[in-house]
Amino acid sequence: MTKPDWQLIFGLETDHHRLGRSLFIRGMGLIYLVAIASWWSQVGLLVGESGLAPAALA
């Protein structure tokens, strides 16, 4: 079985990078999950009639 052209050009072996790629993607997913959970808990206090008032223009 021959490698696709992009693997030959960049010298990538998918089997050697599978673990690193998997950990990176899962880590990014965890970071996004924490960011969205943090935003979701704060959005009710920041937006709406009783939310923060915009800064006054000088």
PDB file of N, CA and C in Angstrom:
ATOM      1  N   MET A   1       0.849  -1.185   0.000  1.00  0.00           N
ATOM      2  CA  MET A   1       0.000   0.000   0.000  1.00  0.00           C
ATOM      3  C   MET A   1       0.891   1.243   0.000  1.00  0.00           C
ATOM      4  N   THR A   2       0.642   2.131  -0.914  1.00  0.00           N
ATOM      5  CA  THR A   2       1.443   3.350  -1.001  1.00  0.00           C
ATOM      6  C   THR A   2       0.795   4.467  -0.197  1.00  0.00           C
ATOM      7  N   LYS A   3       1.639   5.382   0.248  1.00  0.00           N
ATOM      8  CA  LYS A   3       1.153   6.530   1.021  1.00  0.00           C
ATOM      9  C   LYS A   3       0.580   7.572   0.072  1.00  0.00           C
ATOM     10  N   PRO A   4      -0.401   8.353   0.545  1.00  0.00           N
ATOM     11  CA  PRO A   4      -0.861   9.479  -0.272  1.00  0.00           C
ATOM     12  C   PRO A   4       0.269  10.493  -0.469  1.00  0.00           C
ATOM     13  N   ASP A   5       0.158  11.300  -1.495  1.00  0.00           N
ATOM     14  CA  ASP A   5       1.202  12.267  -1.828  1.00  0.00           C
ATOM     15  C   ASP A   5       1.516  13.232  -0.689  1.00  0.00           C
ATOM     16  N   TRP A   6       0.487  13.711   0.030  1.00  0.00           N
ATOM     17  CA  TRP A   6       0.737  14.677   1.099  1.00  0.00           C
ATOM     18  C   TRP A   6       1.550  14.057   2.221  1.00  0.00           C
ATOM     19  N   GLN A   7       1.410  12.753   2.454  1.00  0.00           N
ATOM     20  CA  GLN A   7       2.225  12.103   3.482  1.00  0.00           C
ATOM     21  C   GLN A   7       3.679  12.001   3.035  1.00  0.00           C
ATOM     22  N   LEU A   8       3.895  11.766   1.747  1.00  0.00           N
ATOM     23  CA  LEU A   8       5.264  11.702   1.242  1.00  0.00           C
ATOM     24  C   LEU A   8       5.935  13.069   1.289  1.00  0.00           C
ATOM     25  N   ILE A   9       5.173  14.117   0.966  1.00  0.00           N
ATOM     26  CA  ILE A   9       5.731  15.471   0.928  1.00  0.00           C
ATOM     27  C   ILE A   9       6.125  15.930   2.329  1.00  0.00           C
ATOM     28  N   PHE A  10       5.232  15.755   3.286  1.00  0.00           N
ATOM     29  CA  PHE A  10       5.471  16.276   4.635  1.00  0.00           C
ATOM     30  C   PHE A  10       6.114  15.249   5.558  1.00  0.00           C
ATOM     31  N   GLY A  11       6.249  14.011   5.112  1.00  0.00           N
ATOM     32  CA  GLY A  11       6.883  12.991   5.924  1.00  0.00           C
ATOM     33  C   GLY A  11       6.070  12.587   7.130  1.00  0.00           C
ATOM     34  N   LEU A  12       4.761  12.604   7.025  1.00  0.00           N
ATOM     35  CA  LEU A  12       3.899  12.267   8.157  1.00  0.00           C
ATOM     36  C   LEU A  12       3.567  10.784   8.155  1.00  0.00           C
ATOM     37  N   GLU A  13       3.694  10.183   9.291  1.00  0.00           N
ATOM     38  CA  GLU A  13       3.258   8.805   9.491  1.00  0.00           C
ATOM     39  C   GLU A  13       2.057   8.865  10.423  1.00  0.00           C
ATOM     40  N   THR A  14       0.897   8.538   9.924  1.00  0.00           N
ATOM     41  CA  THR A  14      -0.319   8.682  10.731  1.00  0.00           C
ATOM     42  C   THR A  14      -0.311   7.774  11.942  1.00  0.00           C
ATOM     43  N   ASP A  15       0.288   6.587  11.863  1.00  0.00           N
ATOM     44  CA  ASP A  15       0.300   5.682  13.003  1.00  0.00           C
ATOM     45  C   ASP A  15       1.142   6.220  14.151  1.00  0.00           C
ATOM     46  N   HIS A  16       2.203   6.956  13.854  1.00  0.00           N
ATOM     47  CA  HIS A  16       3.064   7.491  14.906  1.00  0.00           C
ATOM     48  C   HIS A  16       2.464   8.706  15.590  1.00  0.00           C
ATOM     49  N   HIS A  17       1.567   9.392  14.925  1.00  0.00           N
ATOM     50  CA  HIS A  17       1.013  10.631  15.466  1.00  0.00           C
ATOM     51  C   HIS A  17      -0.403  10.461  16.012  1.00  0.00           C
ATOM     52  N   ARG A  18      -0.923   9.262  15.987  1.00  0.00           N
ATOM     53  CA  ARG A  18      -2.314   9.036  16.393  1.00  0.00           C
ATOM     54  C   ARG A  18      -2.553   9.409  17.850  1.00  0.00           C
ATOM     55  N   LEU A  19      -1.692   8.986  18.761  1.00  0.00           N
ATOM     56  CA  LEU A  19      -1.866   9.271  20.185  1.00  0.00           C
ATOM     57  C   LEU A  19      -1.771  10.768  20.460  1.00  0.00           C
ATOM     58  N   GLY A  20      -0.773  11.434  19.913  1.00  0.00           N
ATOM     59  CA  GLY A  20      -0.617  12.874  20.122  1.00  0.00           C
ATOM     60  C   GLY A  20      -1.785  13.666  19.578  1.00  0.00           C
ATOM     61  N   ARG A  21      -2.249  13.287  18.386  1.00  0.00           N
ATOM     62  CA  ARG A  21      -3.386  13.968  17.785  1.00  0.00           C
ATOM     63  C   ARG A  21      -4.641  13.758  18.617  1.00  0.00           C
ATOM     64  N   SER A  22      -4.844  12.544  19.096  1.00  0.00           N
ATOM     65  CA  SER A  22      -6.016  12.240  19.911  1.00  0.00           C
ATOM     66  C   SER A  22      -6.002  13.049  21.210  1.00  0.00           C
ATOM     67  N   LEU A  23      -4.852  13.104  21.871  1.00  0.00           N
ATOM     68  CA  LEU A  23      -4.755  13.871  23.114  1.00  0.00           C
ATOM     69  C   LEU A  23      -4.960  15.362  22.868  1.00  0.00           C
ATOM     70  N   PHE A  24      -4.416  15.867  21.768  1.00  0.00           N
ATOM     71  CA  PHE A  24      -4.574  17.288  21.442  1.00  0.00           C
ATOM     72  C   PHE A  24      -6.043  17.632  21.206  1.00  0.00           C
ATOM     73  N   ILE A  25      -6.733  16.826  20.405  1.00  0.00           N
ATOM     74  CA  ILE A  25      -8.138  17.091  20.104  1.00  0.00           C
ATOM     75  C   ILE A  25      -8.989  17.003  21.361  1.00  0.00           C
ATOM     76  N   ARG A  26      -8.741  15.996  22.189  1.00  0.00           N
ATOM     77  CA  ARG A  26      -9.517  15.864  23.436  1.00  0.00           C
ATOM     78  C   ARG A  26      -9.222  17.022  24.390  1.00  0.00           C
ATOM     79  N   GLY A  27      -7.968  17.459  24.439  1.00  0.00           N
ATOM     80  CA  GLY A  27      -7.620  18.603  25.277  1.00  0.00           C
ATOM     81  C   GLY A  27      -8.300  19.878  24.812  1.00  0.00           C
ATOM     82  N   MET A  28      -8.328  20.092  23.493  1.00  0.00           N
ATOM     83  CA  MET A  28      -9.019  21.265  22.963  1.00  0.00           C
ATOM     84  C   MET A  28     -10.514  21.199  23.262  1.00  0.00           C
ATOM     85  N   GLY A  29     -11.086  20.011  23.171  1.00  0.00           N
ATOM     86  CA  GLY A  29     -12.498  19.842  23.510  1.00  0.00           C
ATOM     87  C   GLY A  29     -12.763  20.187  24.965  1.00  0.00           C
ATOM     88  N   LEU A  30     -11.867  19.780  25.850  1.00  0.00           N
ATOM     89  CA  LEU A  30     -12.019  20.094  27.274  1.00  0.00           C
ATOM     90  C   LEU A  30     -11.910  21.597  27.516  1.00  0.00           C
ATOM     91  N   ILE A  31     -10.973  22.252  26.837  1.00  0.00           N
ATOM     92  CA  ILE A  31     -10.818  23.698  26.977  1.00  0.00           C
ATOM     93  C   ILE A  31     -12.082  24.424  26.510  1.00  0.00           C
ATOM     94  N   TYR A  32     -12.626  24.006  25.357  1.00  0.00           N
ATOM     95  CA  TYR A  32     -13.850  24.620  24.860  1.00  0.00           C
ATOM     96  C   TYR A  32     -15.017  24.349  25.799  1.00  0.00           C
ATOM     97  N   LEU A  33     -15.104  23.157  26.365  1.00  0.00           N
ATOM     98  CA  LEU A  33     -16.175  22.827  27.305  1.00  0.00           C
ATOM     99  C   LEU A  33     -16.129  23.734  28.527  1.00  0.00           C
ATOM    100  N   VAL A  34     -14.940  23.932  29.084  1.00  0.00           N
ATOM    101  CA  VAL A  34     -14.787  24.809  30.249  1.00  0.00           C
ATOM    102  C   VAL A  34     -15.131  26.249  29.878  1.00  0.00           C
ATOM    103  N   ALA A  35     -14.694  26.713  28.708  1.00  0.00           N
ATOM    104  CA  ALA A  35     -14.980  28.085  28.292  1.00  0.00           C
ATOM    105  C   ALA A  35     -16.478  28.305  28.097  1.00  0.00           C
ATOM    106  N   ILE A  36     -17.159  27.362  27.466  1.00  0.00           N
ATOM    107  CA  ILE A  36     -18.595  27.507  27.235  1.00  0.00           C
ATOM    108  C   ILE A  36     -19.360  27.408  28.539  1.00  0.00           C
ATOM    109  N   ALA A  37     -18.953  26.503  29.439  1.00  0.00           N
ATOM    110  CA  ALA A  37     -19.621  26.396  30.743  1.00  0.00           C
ATOM    111  C   ALA A  37     -19.444  27.680  31.543  1.00  0.00           C
ATOM    112  N   SER A  38     -18.256  28.264  31.487  1.00  0.00           N
ATOM    113  CA  SER A  38     -18.008  29.515  32.189  1.00  0.00           C
ATOM    114  C   SER A  38     -18.861  30.642  31.606  1.00  0.00           C
ATOM    115  N   TRP A  39     -18.920  30.728  30.287  1.00  0.00           N
ATOM    116  CA  TRP A  39     -19.737  31.750  29.632  1.00  0.00           C
ATOM    117  C   TRP A  39     -21.204  31.562  29.977  1.00  0.00           C
ATOM    118  N   TRP A  40     -21.667  30.312  29.961  1.00  0.00           N
ATOM    119  CA  TRP A  40     -23.079  30.035  30.211  1.00  0.00           C
ATOM    120  C   TRP A  40     -23.476  30.450  31.631  1.00  0.00           C
ATOM    121  N   SER A  41     -22.577  30.259  32.599  1.00  0.00           N
ATOM    122  CA  SER A  41     -22.899  30.627  33.975  1.00  0.00           C
ATOM    123  C   SER A  41     -22.901  32.147  34.170  1.00  0.00           C
ATOM    124  N   GLN A  42     -22.190  32.898  33.330  1.00  0.00           N
ATOM    125  CA  GLN A  42     -22.077  34.346  33.490  1.00  0.00           C
ATOM    126  C   GLN A  42     -23.018  35.137  32.595  1.00  0.00           C
ATOM    127  N   VAL A  43     -23.515  34.543  31.525  1.00  0.00           N
ATOM    128  CA  VAL A  43     -24.264  35.303  30.533  1.00  0.00           C
ATOM    129  C   VAL A  43     -25.557  35.873  31.117  1.00  0.00           C
ATOM    130  N   GLY A  44     -26.189  35.178  32.021  1.00  0.00           N
ATOM    131  CA  GLY A  44     -27.420  35.680  32.628  1.00  0.00           C
ATOM    132  C   GLY A  44     -27.199  36.951  33.431  1.00  0.00           C
ATOM    133  N   LEU A  45     -26.052  37.068  34.055  1.00  0.00           N
ATOM    134  CA  LEU A  45     -25.749  38.252  34.857  1.00  0.00           C
ATOM    135  C   LEU A  45     -25.254  39.424  34.012  1.00  0.00           C
ATOM    136  N   LEU A  46     -24.706  39.140  32.856  1.00  0.00           N
ATOM    137  CA  LEU A  46     -24.103  40.184  32.035  1.00  0.00           C
ATOM    138  C   LEU A  46     -25.057  40.777  31.003  1.00  0.00           C
ATOM    139  N   VAL A  47     -26.032  40.002  30.558  1.00  0.00           N
ATOM    140  CA  VAL A  47     -26.915  40.429  29.479  1.00  0.00           C
ATOM    141  C   VAL A  47     -28.339  40.524  30.009  1.00  0.00           C
ATOM    142  N   GLY A  48     -29.072  41.476  29.534  1.00  0.00           N
ATOM    143  CA  GLY A  48     -30.477  41.604  29.918  1.00  0.00           C
ATOM    144  C   GLY A  48     -30.759  42.929  30.582  1.00  0.00           C
ATOM    145  N   GLU A  49     -31.994  43.071  31.062  1.00  0.00           N
ATOM    146  CA  GLU A  49     -32.418  44.345  31.669  1.00  0.00           C
ATOM    147  C   GLU A  49     -31.620  44.667  32.926  1.00  0.00           C
ATOM    148  N   SER A  50     -31.307  43.681  33.714  1.00  0.00           N
ATOM    149  CA  SER A  50     -30.568  43.941  34.958  1.00  0.00           C
ATOM    150  C   SER A  50     -29.079  43.640  34.792  1.00  0.00           C
ATOM    151  N   GLY A  51     -28.594  43.586  33.567  1.00  0.00           N
ATOM    152  CA  GLY A  51     -27.184  43.292  33.303  1.00  0.00           C
ATOM    153  C   GLY A  51     -26.310  44.522  33.484  1.00  0.00           C
ATOM    154  N   LEU A  52     -25.080  44.399  33.095  1.00  0.00           N
ATOM    155  CA  LEU A  52     -24.134  45.500  33.202  1.00  0.00           C
ATOM    156  C   LEU A  52     -24.521  46.642  32.278  1.00  0.00           C
ATOM    157  N   ALA A  53     -24.317  47.848  32.750  1.00  0.00           N
ATOM    158  CA  ALA A  53     -24.572  49.028  31.927  1.00  0.00           C
ATOM    159  C   ALA A  53     -23.312  49.333  31.112  1.00  0.00           C
ATOM    160  N   PRO A  54     -23.478  49.798  29.886  1.00  0.00           N
ATOM    161  CA  PRO A  54     -22.291  50.157  29.104  1.00  0.00           C
ATOM    162  C   PRO A  54     -21.553  51.335  29.726  1.00  0.00           C
ATOM    163  N   ALA A  55     -20.278  51.434  29.437  1.00  0.00           N
ATOM    164  CA  ALA A  55     -19.477  52.525  29.961  1.00  0.00           C
ATOM    165  C   ALA A  55     -19.937  53.840  29.335  1.00  0.00           C
ATOM    166  N   ALA A  56     -19.950  54.874  30.137  1.00  0.00           N
ATOM    167  CA  ALA A  56     -20.367  56.190  29.655  1.00  0.00           C
ATOM    168  C   ALA A  56     -19.284  56.791  28.770  1.00  0.00           C
ATOM    169  N   LEU A  57     -19.719  57.422  27.678  1.00  0.00           N
ATOM    170  CA  LEU A  57     -18.767  58.078  26.802  1.00  0.00           C
ATOM    171  C   LEU A  57     -18.346  59.405  27.427  1.00  0.00           C
ATOM    172  N   ALA A  58     -17.068  59.710  27.377  1.00  0.00           N
ATOM    173  CA  ALA A  58     -16.561  60.953  27.988  1.00  0.00           C
ATOM    174  C   ALA A  58     -16.731  62.110  27.037  1.00  0.00           C
TER     175      ALA A  58
END
